[in-house]
Amino acid sequence: MTTYLVTGATGGIGLEFCRQLCDRQETVIAVCRHSSAELEQLGVRVESGCDLTSPEAVSKLASNLKGTTIDVLINNAGILKRNTLENLDFDSIRQQFEVNALGPLRVTQALLPHLQSGSKIAIITSRMGSIGDNTSGSSYGYRMSKVAVSMAGKSLSHDLKPRGISVGILHPGLVRTRMTNFTGITPTESVQGLLARIAQLNLDNTGTFWHANGEVLPW
């Protein structure tokens, strides 16, 4: 069995990751701030109380996992606040940077001792963080934080390649979750594609920015 750690495990995509991995009889460590009945019913290991913006909470997570090897780290947790030019809430923008950009980097750094050669890191970003694909503007905090986490993922792919660890930067598609007002494809379809991209990930294509459907996206 492969051991997967999933952050943001109670959200639409995170919960679906846990569900599909359970169906495959993989070992799942579900990380969240607050657990849920749906997550608990899966019977996975739940590490709750973990605010990814807190260095202390992330350090405690790493300590709780002492002796555990992680084969696939899925940095999925994220938030979306709709900041328009007319409504630039800088506190909201900072919060999105903390969760969407610094959170995955903080978790990855803390959990590096639990990774080994052959391990994989998946960063769930968004094509809204693609500069080349931005044709509509707005959503300042979300777009900027997703550009930042994609850059973090690209740097990680270079820094971790000598250790045999590959990094995938993944867009899930427009997914029917609370974050998108339930517009788009189902979480089931999205996660099937994301898991296929993770399976495809290796040291030759590390650092690639993929759509869940396999399309390589522009930076």
N, C-alpha and C. Protein backbone atom coordinates (compact mmCIF):
# COMPACT_ATOMS: atom_id res chain seq x y z
N MET A 1 0.84 -1.20 0.00
CA MET A 1 0.00 0.00 0.00
C MET A 1 0.87 1.25 0.00
N THR A 2 0.35 2.29 -0.62
CA THR A 2 1.02 3.58 -0.69
C THR A 2 0.41 4.49 0.37
N THR A 3 1.25 5.28 1.04
CA THR A 3 0.77 6.20 2.06
C THR A 3 0.63 7.60 1.47
N TYR A 4 -0.58 8.12 1.52
CA TYR A 4 -0.90 9.46 1.03
C TYR A 4 -1.25 10.36 2.21
N LEU A 5 -0.75 11.58 2.20
CA LEU A 5 -1.20 12.59 3.14
C LEU A 5 -1.91 13.67 2.36
N VAL A 6 -3.14 14.00 2.79
CA VAL A 6 -3.98 14.97 2.08
C VAL A 6 -4.32 16.11 3.04
N THR A 7 -3.97 17.34 2.68
CA THR A 7 -4.40 18.49 3.47
C THR A 7 -5.74 19.00 2.95
N GLY A 8 -6.45 19.74 3.79
CA GLY A 8 -7.77 20.22 3.39
C GLY A 8 -8.72 19.06 3.16
N ALA A 9 -8.66 18.07 4.06
CA ALA A 9 -9.30 16.78 3.80
C ALA A 9 -10.81 16.77 3.99
N THR A 10 -11.39 17.85 4.52
CA THR A 10 -12.85 17.86 4.67
C THR A 10 -13.55 18.60 3.55
N GLY A 11 -12.80 19.30 2.70
CA GLY A 11 -13.40 20.02 1.59
C GLY A 11 -13.81 19.09 0.47
N GLY A 12 -14.44 19.64 -0.56
CA GLY A 12 -14.95 18.82 -1.65
C GLY A 12 -13.91 17.97 -2.33
N ILE A 13 -12.80 18.58 -2.76
CA ILE A 13 -11.75 17.83 -3.46
C ILE A 13 -10.96 16.99 -2.46
N GLY A 14 -10.63 17.55 -1.31
CA GLY A 14 -9.86 16.81 -0.31
C GLY A 14 -10.58 15.57 0.18
N LEU A 15 -11.86 15.71 0.47
CA LEU A 15 -12.65 14.57 0.92
C LEU A 15 -12.74 13.51 -0.17
N GLU A 16 -12.86 13.96 -1.42
CA GLU A 16 -12.95 13.01 -2.53
C GLU A 16 -11.61 12.29 -2.75
N PHE A 17 -10.50 13.00 -2.55
CA PHE A 17 -9.20 12.32 -2.58
C PHE A 17 -9.19 11.18 -1.57
N CYS A 18 -9.60 11.48 -0.33
CA CYS A 18 -9.60 10.47 0.73
C CYS A 18 -10.52 9.31 0.37
N ARG A 19 -11.68 9.62 -0.18
CA ARG A 19 -12.66 8.58 -0.52
C ARG A 19 -12.12 7.65 -1.61
N GLN A 20 -11.58 8.23 -2.68
CA GLN A 20 -11.08 7.39 -3.77
C GLN A 20 -9.86 6.59 -3.36
N LEU A 21 -9.00 7.17 -2.55
CA LEU A 21 -7.81 6.45 -2.09
C LEU A 21 -8.21 5.31 -1.15
N CYS A 22 -9.23 5.54 -0.34
CA CYS A 22 -9.74 4.46 0.51
C CYS A 22 -10.29 3.32 -0.33
N ASP A 23 -11.01 3.67 -1.39
CA ASP A 23 -11.57 2.65 -2.28
C ASP A 23 -10.46 1.82 -2.91
N ARG A 24 -9.29 2.43 -3.09
CA ARG A 24 -8.13 1.71 -3.63
C ARG A 24 -7.34 1.00 -2.55
N GLN A 25 -7.80 1.11 -1.31
CA GLN A 25 -7.17 0.47 -0.14
C GLN A 25 -5.76 1.00 0.11
N GLU A 26 -5.58 2.29 -0.17
CA GLU A 26 -4.32 2.94 0.16
C GLU A 26 -4.37 3.40 1.62
N THR A 27 -3.21 3.71 2.17
CA THR A 27 -3.13 4.28 3.51
C THR A 27 -3.27 5.80 3.40
N VAL A 28 -4.23 6.36 4.13
CA VAL A 28 -4.54 7.79 4.00
C VAL A 28 -4.39 8.48 5.35
N ILE A 29 -3.67 9.60 5.34
CA ILE A 29 -3.59 10.49 6.50
C ILE A 29 -4.30 11.78 6.09
N ALA A 30 -5.42 12.05 6.73
CA ALA A 30 -6.26 13.19 6.38
C ALA A 30 -5.98 14.34 7.35
N VAL A 31 -5.53 15.47 6.83
CA VAL A 31 -5.17 16.61 7.66
C VAL A 31 -6.21 17.71 7.48
N CYS A 32 -6.69 18.26 8.60
CA CYS A 32 -7.73 19.28 8.53
C CYS A 32 -7.72 20.12 9.80
N ARG A 33 -8.41 21.23 9.75
CA ARG A 33 -8.58 22.04 10.96
C ARG A 33 -9.63 21.41 11.87
N HIS A 34 -10.75 21.02 11.27
CA HIS A 34 -11.84 20.40 12.02
C HIS A 34 -12.32 19.19 11.23
N SER A 35 -12.43 18.05 11.87
CA SER A 35 -12.89 16.86 11.17
C SER A 35 -14.38 16.96 10.89
N SER A 36 -14.90 15.98 10.15
CA SER A 36 -16.32 15.95 9.81
C SER A 36 -16.82 14.52 9.89
N ALA A 37 -18.11 14.37 9.99
CA ALA A 37 -18.70 13.03 10.05
C ALA A 37 -18.37 12.24 8.79
N GLU A 38 -18.41 12.92 7.64
CA GLU A 38 -18.12 12.23 6.38
C GLU A 38 -16.69 11.70 6.36
N LEU A 39 -15.75 12.50 6.85
CA LEU A 39 -14.36 12.07 6.87
C LEU A 39 -14.16 10.93 7.86
N GLU A 40 -14.74 11.05 9.03
CA GLU A 40 -14.59 10.01 10.05
C GLU A 40 -15.14 8.67 9.58
N GLN A 41 -16.21 8.71 8.79
CA GLN A 41 -16.84 7.48 8.31
C GLN A 41 -15.92 6.68 7.39
N LEU A 42 -14.93 7.34 6.81
CA LEU A 42 -14.02 6.65 5.89
C LEU A 42 -13.06 5.73 6.64
N GLY A 43 -12.86 5.99 7.93
CA GLY A 43 -11.97 5.14 8.71
C GLY A 43 -10.49 5.41 8.48
N VAL A 44 -10.16 6.60 7.95
CA VAL A 44 -8.76 6.94 7.71
C VAL A 44 -8.16 7.56 8.96
N ARG A 45 -6.86 7.70 8.98
CA ARG A 45 -6.20 8.40 10.08
C ARG A 45 -6.45 9.90 9.91
N VAL A 46 -7.03 10.53 10.90
CA VAL A 46 -7.36 11.96 10.82
C VAL A 46 -6.45 12.73 11.77
N GLU A 47 -5.77 13.72 11.22
CA GLU A 47 -4.96 14.65 12.02
C GLU A 47 -5.69 15.99 11.97
N SER A 48 -6.54 16.23 12.97
CA SER A 48 -7.32 17.46 13.00
C SER A 48 -6.62 18.52 13.84
N GLY A 49 -7.19 19.72 13.87
CA GLY A 49 -6.59 20.81 14.64
C GLY A 49 -5.36 21.40 13.99
N CYS A 50 -5.20 21.15 12.70
CA CYS A 50 -3.99 21.62 12.01
C CYS A 50 -4.30 22.81 11.12
N ASP A 51 -4.00 23.99 11.61
CA ASP A 51 -4.11 25.23 10.84
C ASP A 51 -2.80 25.42 10.10
N LEU A 52 -2.84 25.34 8.78
CA LEU A 52 -1.61 25.36 8.00
C LEU A 52 -0.92 26.71 8.00
N THR A 53 -1.57 27.75 8.54
CA THR A 53 -0.92 29.05 8.66
C THR A 53 -0.14 29.16 9.97
N SER A 54 -0.23 28.13 10.80
CA SER A 54 0.43 28.15 12.11
C SER A 54 1.69 27.27 12.09
N PRO A 55 2.87 27.86 12.25
CA PRO A 55 4.09 27.05 12.31
C PRO A 55 4.04 26.01 13.43
N GLU A 56 3.43 26.37 14.55
CA GLU A 56 3.35 25.45 15.68
C GLU A 56 2.47 24.25 15.34
N ALA A 57 1.34 24.50 14.69
CA ALA A 57 0.43 23.41 14.33
C ALA A 57 1.07 22.47 13.31
N VAL A 58 1.79 23.03 12.36
CA VAL A 58 2.43 22.20 11.34
C VAL A 58 3.59 21.41 11.95
N SER A 59 4.31 22.04 12.87
CA SER A 59 5.38 21.32 13.57
C SER A 59 4.81 20.17 14.39
N LYS A 60 3.67 20.39 15.01
CA LYS A 60 3.03 19.32 15.78
C LYS A 60 2.59 18.18 14.87
N LEU A 61 2.09 18.52 13.68
CA LEU A 61 1.72 17.50 12.71
C LEU A 61 2.91 16.63 12.37
N ALA A 62 4.03 17.26 12.08
CA ALA A 62 5.24 16.50 11.74
C ALA A 62 5.66 15.60 12.90
N SER A 63 5.54 16.11 14.12
CA SER A 63 5.89 15.33 15.30
C SER A 63 4.96 14.13 15.48
N ASN A 64 3.66 14.35 15.21
CA ASN A 64 2.68 13.27 15.33
C ASN A 64 2.95 12.14 14.34
N LEU A 65 3.63 12.47 13.25
CA LEU A 65 3.88 11.50 12.18
C LEU A 65 5.26 10.83 12.32
N LYS A 66 5.87 10.99 13.48
CA LYS A 66 7.19 10.41 13.70
C LYS A 66 7.21 8.93 13.32
N GLY A 67 8.18 8.55 12.50
CA GLY A 67 8.31 7.17 12.08
C GLY A 67 7.46 6.78 10.88
N THR A 68 6.69 7.75 10.35
CA THR A 68 5.81 7.47 9.20
C THR A 68 6.44 7.98 7.92
N THR A 69 6.52 7.14 6.91
CA THR A 69 7.00 7.54 5.59
C THR A 69 5.81 7.91 4.72
N ILE A 70 5.89 9.07 4.09
CA ILE A 70 4.83 9.55 3.20
C ILE A 70 5.29 9.34 1.75
N ASP A 71 4.52 8.57 1.02
CA ASP A 71 4.84 8.32 -0.39
C ASP A 71 4.34 9.44 -1.29
N VAL A 72 3.14 9.97 -0.97
CA VAL A 72 2.57 11.06 -1.77
C VAL A 72 1.99 12.11 -0.83
N LEU A 73 2.52 13.32 -0.93
CA LEU A 73 2.03 14.46 -0.15
C LEU A 73 1.17 15.31 -1.07
N ILE A 74 -0.12 15.43 -0.74
CA ILE A 74 -1.04 16.21 -1.56
C ILE A 74 -1.39 17.49 -0.81
N ASN A 75 -0.80 18.59 -1.24
CA ASN A 75 -1.09 19.90 -0.66
C ASN A 75 -2.34 20.46 -1.33
N ASN A 76 -3.48 20.18 -0.72
CA ASN A 76 -4.77 20.50 -1.33
C ASN A 76 -5.47 21.69 -0.69
N ALA A 77 -5.20 21.99 0.57
CA ALA A 77 -5.94 23.02 1.29
C ALA A 77 -5.82 24.37 0.60
N GLY A 78 -6.93 25.09 0.53
CA GLY A 78 -6.91 26.42 -0.09
C GLY A 78 -8.20 27.15 0.19
N ILE A 79 -8.16 28.48 0.02
CA ILE A 79 -9.35 29.30 0.18
C ILE A 79 -9.46 30.26 -0.99
N LEU A 80 -10.68 30.69 -1.27
CA LEU A 80 -10.96 31.63 -2.35
C LEU A 80 -11.80 32.78 -1.81
N LYS A 81 -11.29 33.99 -1.93
CA LYS A 81 -12.03 35.21 -1.61
C LYS A 81 -12.04 36.05 -2.88
N ARG A 82 -13.20 36.60 -3.19
CA ARG A 82 -13.34 37.31 -4.47
C ARG A 82 -13.03 38.80 -4.27
N ASN A 83 -11.76 39.16 -4.51
CA ASN A 83 -11.31 40.54 -4.36
C ASN A 83 -11.29 41.23 -5.72
N THR A 84 -12.20 42.19 -5.90
CA THR A 84 -12.22 42.97 -7.13
C THR A 84 -11.41 44.25 -6.94
N LEU A 85 -11.15 44.96 -8.01
CA LEU A 85 -10.42 46.21 -7.92
C LEU A 85 -11.17 47.22 -7.07
N GLU A 86 -12.50 47.14 -7.11
CA GLU A 86 -13.34 48.04 -6.33
C GLU A 86 -13.45 47.62 -4.87
N ASN A 87 -13.01 46.39 -4.57
CA ASN A 87 -13.15 45.86 -3.22
C ASN A 87 -11.85 45.15 -2.81
N LEU A 88 -10.78 45.93 -2.76
CA LEU A 88 -9.48 45.35 -2.43
C LEU A 88 -9.32 45.28 -0.90
N ASP A 89 -9.63 44.12 -0.38
CA ASP A 89 -9.50 43.87 1.05
C ASP A 89 -8.12 43.24 1.27
N PHE A 90 -7.16 44.04 1.73
CA PHE A 90 -5.79 43.56 1.81
C PHE A 90 -5.60 42.51 2.90
N ASP A 91 -6.42 42.55 3.94
CA ASP A 91 -6.36 41.50 4.94
C ASP A 91 -6.77 40.16 4.33
N SER A 92 -7.79 40.19 3.47
CA SER A 92 -8.24 38.99 2.78
C SER A 92 -7.16 38.48 1.84
N ILE A 93 -6.50 39.39 1.13
CA ILE A 93 -5.43 38.99 0.21
C ILE A 93 -4.29 38.34 0.99
N ARG A 94 -3.91 38.92 2.12
CA ARG A 94 -2.86 38.33 2.95
C ARG A 94 -3.25 36.95 3.44
N GLN A 95 -4.51 36.79 3.84
CA GLN A 95 -4.96 35.49 4.32
C GLN A 95 -4.85 34.44 3.22
N GLN A 96 -5.19 34.81 1.98
CA GLN A 96 -5.08 33.86 0.88
C GLN A 96 -3.63 33.49 0.60
N PHE A 97 -2.72 34.44 0.74
CA PHE A 97 -1.30 34.11 0.61
C PHE A 97 -0.87 33.15 1.70
N GLU A 98 -1.31 33.38 2.93
CA GLU A 98 -0.94 32.52 4.04
C GLU A 98 -1.40 31.08 3.81
N VAL A 99 -2.65 30.92 3.38
CA VAL A 99 -3.21 29.57 3.20
C VAL A 99 -2.76 28.94 1.90
N ASN A 100 -2.90 29.68 0.80
CA ASN A 100 -2.71 29.10 -0.53
C ASN A 100 -1.26 28.98 -0.96
N ALA A 101 -0.42 29.89 -0.51
CA ALA A 101 0.98 29.90 -0.96
C ALA A 101 1.95 29.46 0.13
N LEU A 102 1.87 30.09 1.31
CA LEU A 102 2.81 29.75 2.37
C LEU A 102 2.45 28.43 3.03
N GLY A 103 1.18 28.10 3.10
CA GLY A 103 0.75 26.85 3.73
C GLY A 103 1.38 25.62 3.11
N PRO A 104 1.26 25.43 1.79
CA PRO A 104 1.88 24.26 1.17
C PRO A 104 3.40 24.22 1.32
N LEU A 105 4.04 25.39 1.27
CA LEU A 105 5.49 25.41 1.43
C LEU A 105 5.87 25.05 2.86
N ARG A 106 5.11 25.57 3.81
CA ARG A 106 5.37 25.28 5.23
C ARG A 106 5.20 23.78 5.50
N VAL A 107 4.13 23.19 4.99
CA VAL A 107 3.86 21.76 5.19
C VAL A 107 4.94 20.92 4.55
N THR A 108 5.31 21.27 3.32
CA THR A 108 6.32 20.50 2.61
C THR A 108 7.65 20.52 3.34
N GLN A 109 8.06 21.70 3.80
CA GLN A 109 9.33 21.81 4.53
C GLN A 109 9.29 20.96 5.81
N ALA A 110 8.18 21.03 6.55
CA ALA A 110 8.07 20.31 7.82
C ALA A 110 8.06 18.80 7.63
N LEU A 111 7.50 18.36 6.51
CA LEU A 111 7.34 16.92 6.29
C LEU A 111 8.45 16.30 5.44
N LEU A 112 9.43 17.09 5.05
CA LEU A 112 10.53 16.54 4.24
C LEU A 112 11.21 15.34 4.89
N PRO A 113 11.39 15.32 6.22
CA PRO A 113 12.01 14.13 6.82
C PRO A 113 11.18 12.86 6.66
N HIS A 114 9.90 13.02 6.30
CA HIS A 114 9.02 11.86 6.14
C HIS A 114 8.96 11.40 4.68
N LEU A 115 9.61 12.14 3.79
CA LEU A 115 9.66 11.77 2.38
C LEU A 115 10.97 11.07 2.08
N GLN A 116 10.99 10.30 1.01
CA GLN A 116 12.19 9.57 0.63
C GLN A 116 12.30 9.57 -0.89
N SER A 117 13.39 9.04 -1.40
CA SER A 117 13.54 8.93 -2.84
C SER A 117 12.38 8.12 -3.41
N GLY A 118 11.73 8.68 -4.42
CA GLY A 118 10.55 8.04 -5.00
C GLY A 118 9.25 8.64 -4.52
N SER A 119 9.31 9.45 -3.44
CA SER A 119 8.10 10.13 -2.97
C SER A 119 7.69 11.21 -3.97
N LYS A 120 6.42 11.60 -3.89
CA LYS A 120 5.89 12.61 -4.80
C LYS A 120 5.16 13.68 -3.99
N ILE A 121 5.21 14.91 -4.49
CA ILE A 121 4.48 16.02 -3.90
C ILE A 121 3.55 16.59 -4.96
N ALA A 122 2.27 16.69 -4.63
CA ALA A 122 1.30 17.32 -5.52
C ALA A 122 0.82 18.61 -4.89
N ILE A 123 0.90 19.69 -5.63
CA ILE A 123 0.40 20.98 -5.17
C ILE A 123 -0.83 21.31 -6.00
N ILE A 124 -1.99 21.40 -5.33
CA ILE A 124 -3.22 21.72 -6.03
C ILE A 124 -3.31 23.24 -6.13
N THR A 125 -3.08 23.74 -7.32
CA THR A 125 -3.12 25.17 -7.57
C THR A 125 -4.34 25.48 -8.43
N SER A 126 -4.25 26.40 -9.36
CA SER A 126 -5.39 26.74 -10.22
C SER A 126 -4.87 27.42 -11.47
N ARG A 127 -5.59 27.21 -12.57
CA ARG A 127 -5.22 27.93 -13.78
C ARG A 127 -5.52 29.42 -13.63
N MET A 128 -6.26 29.81 -12.57
CA MET A 128 -6.43 31.23 -12.27
C MET A 128 -5.11 31.85 -11.83
N GLY A 129 -4.13 31.02 -11.54
CA GLY A 129 -2.79 31.49 -11.24
C GLY A 129 -1.88 31.49 -12.46
N SER A 130 -2.46 31.24 -13.64
CA SER A 130 -1.68 31.30 -14.87
C SER A 130 -1.70 32.73 -15.42
N ILE A 131 -0.55 33.35 -15.55
CA ILE A 131 -0.49 34.71 -16.10
C ILE A 131 -0.89 34.68 -17.57
N GLY A 132 -0.40 33.68 -18.31
CA GLY A 132 -0.71 33.58 -19.73
C GLY A 132 -2.18 33.31 -20.01
N ASP A 133 -2.88 32.73 -19.04
CA ASP A 133 -4.28 32.34 -19.24
C ASP A 133 -5.26 33.36 -18.65
N ASN A 134 -4.74 34.44 -18.07
CA ASN A 134 -5.61 35.42 -17.42
C ASN A 134 -6.22 36.35 -18.45
N THR A 135 -7.49 36.09 -18.79
CA THR A 135 -8.18 36.92 -19.78
C THR A 135 -9.34 37.71 -19.16
N SER A 136 -9.49 37.61 -17.83
CA SER A 136 -10.66 38.26 -17.22
C SER A 136 -10.33 39.12 -16.01
N GLY A 137 -9.10 39.08 -15.50
CA GLY A 137 -8.71 39.93 -14.38
C GLY A 137 -9.41 39.59 -13.08
N SER A 138 -9.42 40.55 -12.14
CA SER A 138 -10.07 40.46 -10.84
C SER A 138 -9.53 39.30 -10.00
N SER A 139 -10.22 38.93 -8.93
CA SER A 139 -9.82 37.86 -8.01
C SER A 139 -8.35 38.00 -7.61
N TYR A 140 -7.99 39.21 -7.17
CA TYR A 140 -6.58 39.54 -6.97
C TYR A 140 -5.88 38.62 -5.97
N GLY A 141 -6.46 38.44 -4.80
CA GLY A 141 -5.80 37.62 -3.79
C GLY A 141 -5.64 36.17 -4.21
N TYR A 142 -6.69 35.62 -4.81
CA TYR A 142 -6.64 34.22 -5.22
C TYR A 142 -5.64 34.02 -6.34
N ARG A 143 -5.73 34.87 -7.38
CA ARG A 143 -4.81 34.72 -8.51
C ARG A 143 -3.35 34.89 -8.06
N MET A 144 -3.09 35.93 -7.27
CA MET A 144 -1.71 36.20 -6.86
C MET A 144 -1.16 35.08 -5.98
N SER A 145 -1.99 34.56 -5.08
CA SER A 145 -1.50 33.49 -4.19
C SER A 145 -1.26 32.21 -4.96
N LYS A 146 -2.04 31.97 -6.00
CA LYS A 146 -1.86 30.75 -6.80
C LYS A 146 -0.64 30.86 -7.71
N VAL A 147 -0.35 32.07 -8.21
CA VAL A 147 0.92 32.26 -8.92
C VAL A 147 2.08 31.94 -7.99
N ALA A 148 1.98 32.43 -6.75
CA ALA A 148 3.06 32.24 -5.78
C ALA A 148 3.28 30.77 -5.46
N VAL A 149 2.20 30.02 -5.25
CA VAL A 149 2.39 28.60 -4.90
C VAL A 149 2.90 27.80 -6.09
N SER A 150 2.51 28.20 -7.29
CA SER A 150 3.05 27.52 -8.47
C SER A 150 4.56 27.75 -8.59
N MET A 151 5.00 28.96 -8.29
CA MET A 151 6.43 29.25 -8.31
C MET A 151 7.15 28.46 -7.22
N ALA A 152 6.52 28.35 -6.04
CA ALA A 152 7.10 27.53 -4.97
C ALA A 152 7.25 26.09 -5.43
N GLY A 153 6.22 25.58 -6.10
CA GLY A 153 6.27 24.21 -6.60
C GLY A 153 7.37 24.01 -7.62
N LYS A 154 7.56 25.00 -8.49
CA LYS A 154 8.62 24.90 -9.51
C LYS A 154 9.99 24.89 -8.85
N SER A 155 10.19 25.75 -7.86
CA SER A 155 11.47 25.76 -7.15
C SER A 155 11.70 24.46 -6.39
N LEU A 156 10.65 23.95 -5.76
CA LEU A 156 10.75 22.67 -5.05
C LEU A 156 11.15 21.55 -6.01
N SER A 157 10.62 21.61 -7.23
CA SER A 157 10.92 20.54 -8.20
C SER A 157 12.41 20.50 -8.51
N HIS A 158 13.06 21.66 -8.54
CA HIS A 158 14.50 21.70 -8.78
C HIS A 158 15.28 21.28 -7.53
N ASP A 159 14.87 21.81 -6.38
CA ASP A 159 15.61 21.55 -5.15
C ASP A 159 15.50 20.10 -4.69
N LEU A 160 14.37 19.45 -4.99
CA LEU A 160 14.14 18.09 -4.49
C LEU A 160 14.47 17.00 -5.50
N LYS A 161 14.73 17.39 -6.74
CA LYS A 161 15.05 16.38 -7.75
C LYS A 161 16.29 15.57 -7.36
N PRO A 162 17.36 16.20 -6.83
CA PRO A 162 18.52 15.39 -6.42
C PRO A 162 18.20 14.38 -5.33
N ARG A 163 17.13 14.61 -4.58
CA ARG A 163 16.72 13.67 -3.53
C ARG A 163 15.79 12.57 -4.07
N GLY A 164 15.47 12.66 -5.36
CA GLY A 164 14.58 11.66 -5.95
C GLY A 164 13.12 11.92 -5.70
N ILE A 165 12.76 13.16 -5.34
CA ILE A 165 11.37 13.53 -5.04
C ILE A 165 10.84 14.41 -6.16
N SER A 166 9.72 14.03 -6.75
CA SER A 166 9.13 14.78 -7.86
C SER A 166 7.95 15.62 -7.38
N VAL A 167 7.70 16.71 -8.10
CA VAL A 167 6.67 17.68 -7.71
C VAL A 167 5.76 17.96 -8.89
N GLY A 168 4.46 17.81 -8.69
CA GLY A 168 3.48 18.14 -9.71
C GLY A 168 2.66 19.35 -9.28
N ILE A 169 2.44 20.27 -10.21
CA ILE A 169 1.66 21.48 -9.95
C ILE A 169 0.36 21.31 -10.73
N LEU A 170 -0.75 21.13 -10.03
CA LEU A 170 -1.96 20.58 -10.65
C LEU A 170 -3.19 21.49 -10.51
N HIS A 171 -3.87 21.70 -11.63
CA HIS A 171 -5.14 22.41 -11.65
C HIS A 171 -6.26 21.38 -11.69
N PRO A 172 -7.21 21.45 -10.74
CA PRO A 172 -8.24 20.41 -10.67
C PRO A 172 -9.37 20.57 -11.67
N GLY A 173 -9.39 21.68 -12.42
CA GLY A 173 -10.54 21.99 -13.24
C GLY A 173 -11.51 22.84 -12.44
N LEU A 174 -12.56 23.29 -13.10
CA LEU A 174 -13.64 23.99 -12.39
C LEU A 174 -14.51 22.92 -11.76
N VAL A 175 -14.45 22.83 -10.44
CA VAL A 175 -15.04 21.68 -9.74
C VAL A 175 -16.26 22.13 -8.94
N ARG A 176 -17.26 21.32 -8.95
CA ARG A 176 -18.54 21.59 -8.31
C ARG A 176 -18.42 21.45 -6.79
N THR A 177 -17.92 22.52 -6.15
CA THR A 177 -17.76 22.53 -4.70
C THR A 177 -18.33 23.84 -4.16
N ARG A 178 -18.33 23.96 -2.84
CA ARG A 178 -18.80 25.19 -2.21
C ARG A 178 -17.99 26.39 -2.68
N MET A 179 -16.68 26.19 -2.92
CA MET A 179 -15.81 27.29 -3.34
C MET A 179 -16.25 27.89 -4.66
N THR A 180 -16.81 27.08 -5.55
CA THR A 180 -17.22 27.55 -6.88
C THR A 180 -18.73 27.71 -7.01
N ASN A 181 -19.43 27.74 -5.87
CA ASN A 181 -20.89 27.79 -5.89
C ASN A 181 -21.49 26.62 -6.67
N PHE A 182 -20.80 25.48 -6.55
CA PHE A 182 -21.27 24.22 -7.12
C PHE A 182 -21.47 24.30 -8.64
N THR A 183 -20.45 24.89 -9.28
CA THR A 183 -20.43 24.98 -10.74
C THR A 183 -19.27 24.14 -11.26
N GLY A 184 -19.50 23.39 -12.36
CA GLY A 184 -18.41 22.67 -13.00
C GLY A 184 -18.54 21.16 -12.93
N ILE A 185 -17.40 20.47 -13.07
CA ILE A 185 -17.39 19.02 -13.05
C ILE A 185 -17.50 18.52 -11.61
N THR A 186 -17.78 17.26 -11.44
CA THR A 186 -17.91 16.70 -10.10
C THR A 186 -16.54 16.50 -9.46
N PRO A 187 -16.47 16.53 -8.13
CA PRO A 187 -15.21 16.20 -7.47
C PRO A 187 -14.69 14.82 -7.87
N THR A 188 -15.60 13.88 -8.12
CA THR A 188 -15.19 12.54 -8.54
C THR A 188 -14.38 12.59 -9.83
N GLU A 189 -14.89 13.32 -10.83
CA GLU A 189 -14.19 13.44 -12.11
C GLU A 189 -12.85 14.14 -11.93
N SER A 190 -12.85 15.21 -11.15
CA SER A 190 -11.62 15.97 -10.95
C SER A 190 -10.54 15.12 -10.30
N VAL A 191 -10.89 14.43 -9.22
CA VAL A 191 -9.89 13.66 -8.48
C VAL A 191 -9.40 12.46 -9.30
N GLN A 192 -10.26 11.88 -10.11
CA GLN A 192 -9.80 10.81 -10.99
C GLN A 192 -8.68 11.32 -11.90
N GLY A 193 -8.86 12.53 -12.44
CA GLY A 193 -7.84 13.11 -13.29
C GLY A 193 -6.58 13.48 -12.52
N LEU A 194 -6.77 14.04 -11.34
CA LEU A 194 -5.62 14.43 -10.52
C LEU A 194 -4.78 13.22 -10.12
N LEU A 195 -5.44 12.13 -9.73
CA LEU A 195 -4.71 10.92 -9.36
C LEU A 195 -3.98 10.32 -10.57
N ALA A 196 -4.57 10.48 -11.74
CA ALA A 196 -3.88 10.01 -12.96
C ALA A 196 -2.62 10.83 -13.21
N ARG A 197 -2.70 12.15 -12.97
CA ARG A 197 -1.52 13.00 -13.15
C ARG A 197 -0.45 12.66 -12.11
N ILE A 198 -0.86 12.37 -10.88
CA ILE A 198 0.11 12.00 -9.84
C ILE A 198 0.79 10.69 -10.20
N ALA A 199 0.01 9.75 -10.74
CA ALA A 199 0.59 8.46 -11.15
C ALA A 199 1.60 8.67 -12.28
N GLN A 200 1.36 9.65 -13.12
CA GLN A 200 2.22 9.94 -14.27
C GLN A 200 3.48 10.71 -13.86
N LEU A 201 3.44 11.34 -12.69
CA LEU A 201 4.53 12.20 -12.24
C LEU A 201 5.81 11.42 -12.00
N ASN A 202 6.92 11.96 -12.49
CA ASN A 202 8.22 11.33 -12.27
C ASN A 202 9.31 12.40 -12.34
N LEU A 203 10.56 11.99 -12.21
CA LEU A 203 11.65 12.96 -12.19
C LEU A 203 11.91 13.60 -13.55
N ASP A 204 11.39 13.00 -14.61
CA ASP A 204 11.57 13.59 -15.94
C ASP A 204 10.59 14.73 -16.19
N ASN A 205 9.37 14.64 -15.61
CA ASN A 205 8.39 15.69 -15.84
C ASN A 205 8.10 16.51 -14.58
N THR A 206 8.93 16.36 -13.54
CA THR A 206 8.74 17.12 -12.32
C THR A 206 8.73 18.62 -12.61
N GLY A 207 7.86 19.35 -11.89
CA GLY A 207 7.74 20.78 -12.10
C GLY A 207 6.77 21.19 -13.18
N THR A 208 6.05 20.23 -13.76
CA THR A 208 5.08 20.53 -14.82
C THR A 208 3.78 21.08 -14.21
N PHE A 209 3.18 22.05 -14.90
CA PHE A 209 1.90 22.65 -14.51
C PHE A 209 0.81 21.99 -15.37
N TRP A 210 0.07 21.06 -14.77
CA TRP A 210 -0.91 20.26 -15.49
C TRP A 210 -2.35 20.61 -15.13
N HIS A 211 -3.23 20.53 -16.09
CA HIS A 211 -4.67 20.43 -15.86
C HIS A 211 -4.95 18.97 -15.48
N ALA A 212 -5.97 18.76 -14.68
CA ALA A 212 -6.34 17.40 -14.30
C ALA A 212 -6.59 16.51 -15.52
N ASN A 213 -7.00 17.11 -16.64
CA ASN A 213 -7.29 16.32 -17.84
C ASN A 213 -6.03 15.96 -18.64
N GLY A 214 -4.86 16.37 -18.16
CA GLY A 214 -3.61 16.01 -18.81
C GLY A 214 -3.00 17.13 -19.66
N GLU A 215 -3.75 18.21 -19.86
CA GLU A 215 -3.23 19.34 -20.64
C GLU A 215 -2.15 20.05 -19.84
N VAL A 216 -1.05 20.42 -20.50
CA VAL A 216 -0.02 21.24 -19.86
C VAL A 216 -0.42 22.70 -19.99
N LEU A 217 -0.48 23.40 -18.87
CA LEU A 217 -0.99 24.76 -18.84
C LEU A 217 0.13 25.80 -18.97
N PRO A 218 -0.19 26.97 -19.49
CA PRO A 218 0.83 28.04 -19.60
C PRO A 218 1.08 28.68 -18.23
N TRP A 219 2.29 29.16 -18.04
CA TRP A 219 2.61 29.87 -16.80
C TRP A 219 2.01 31.27 -16.82
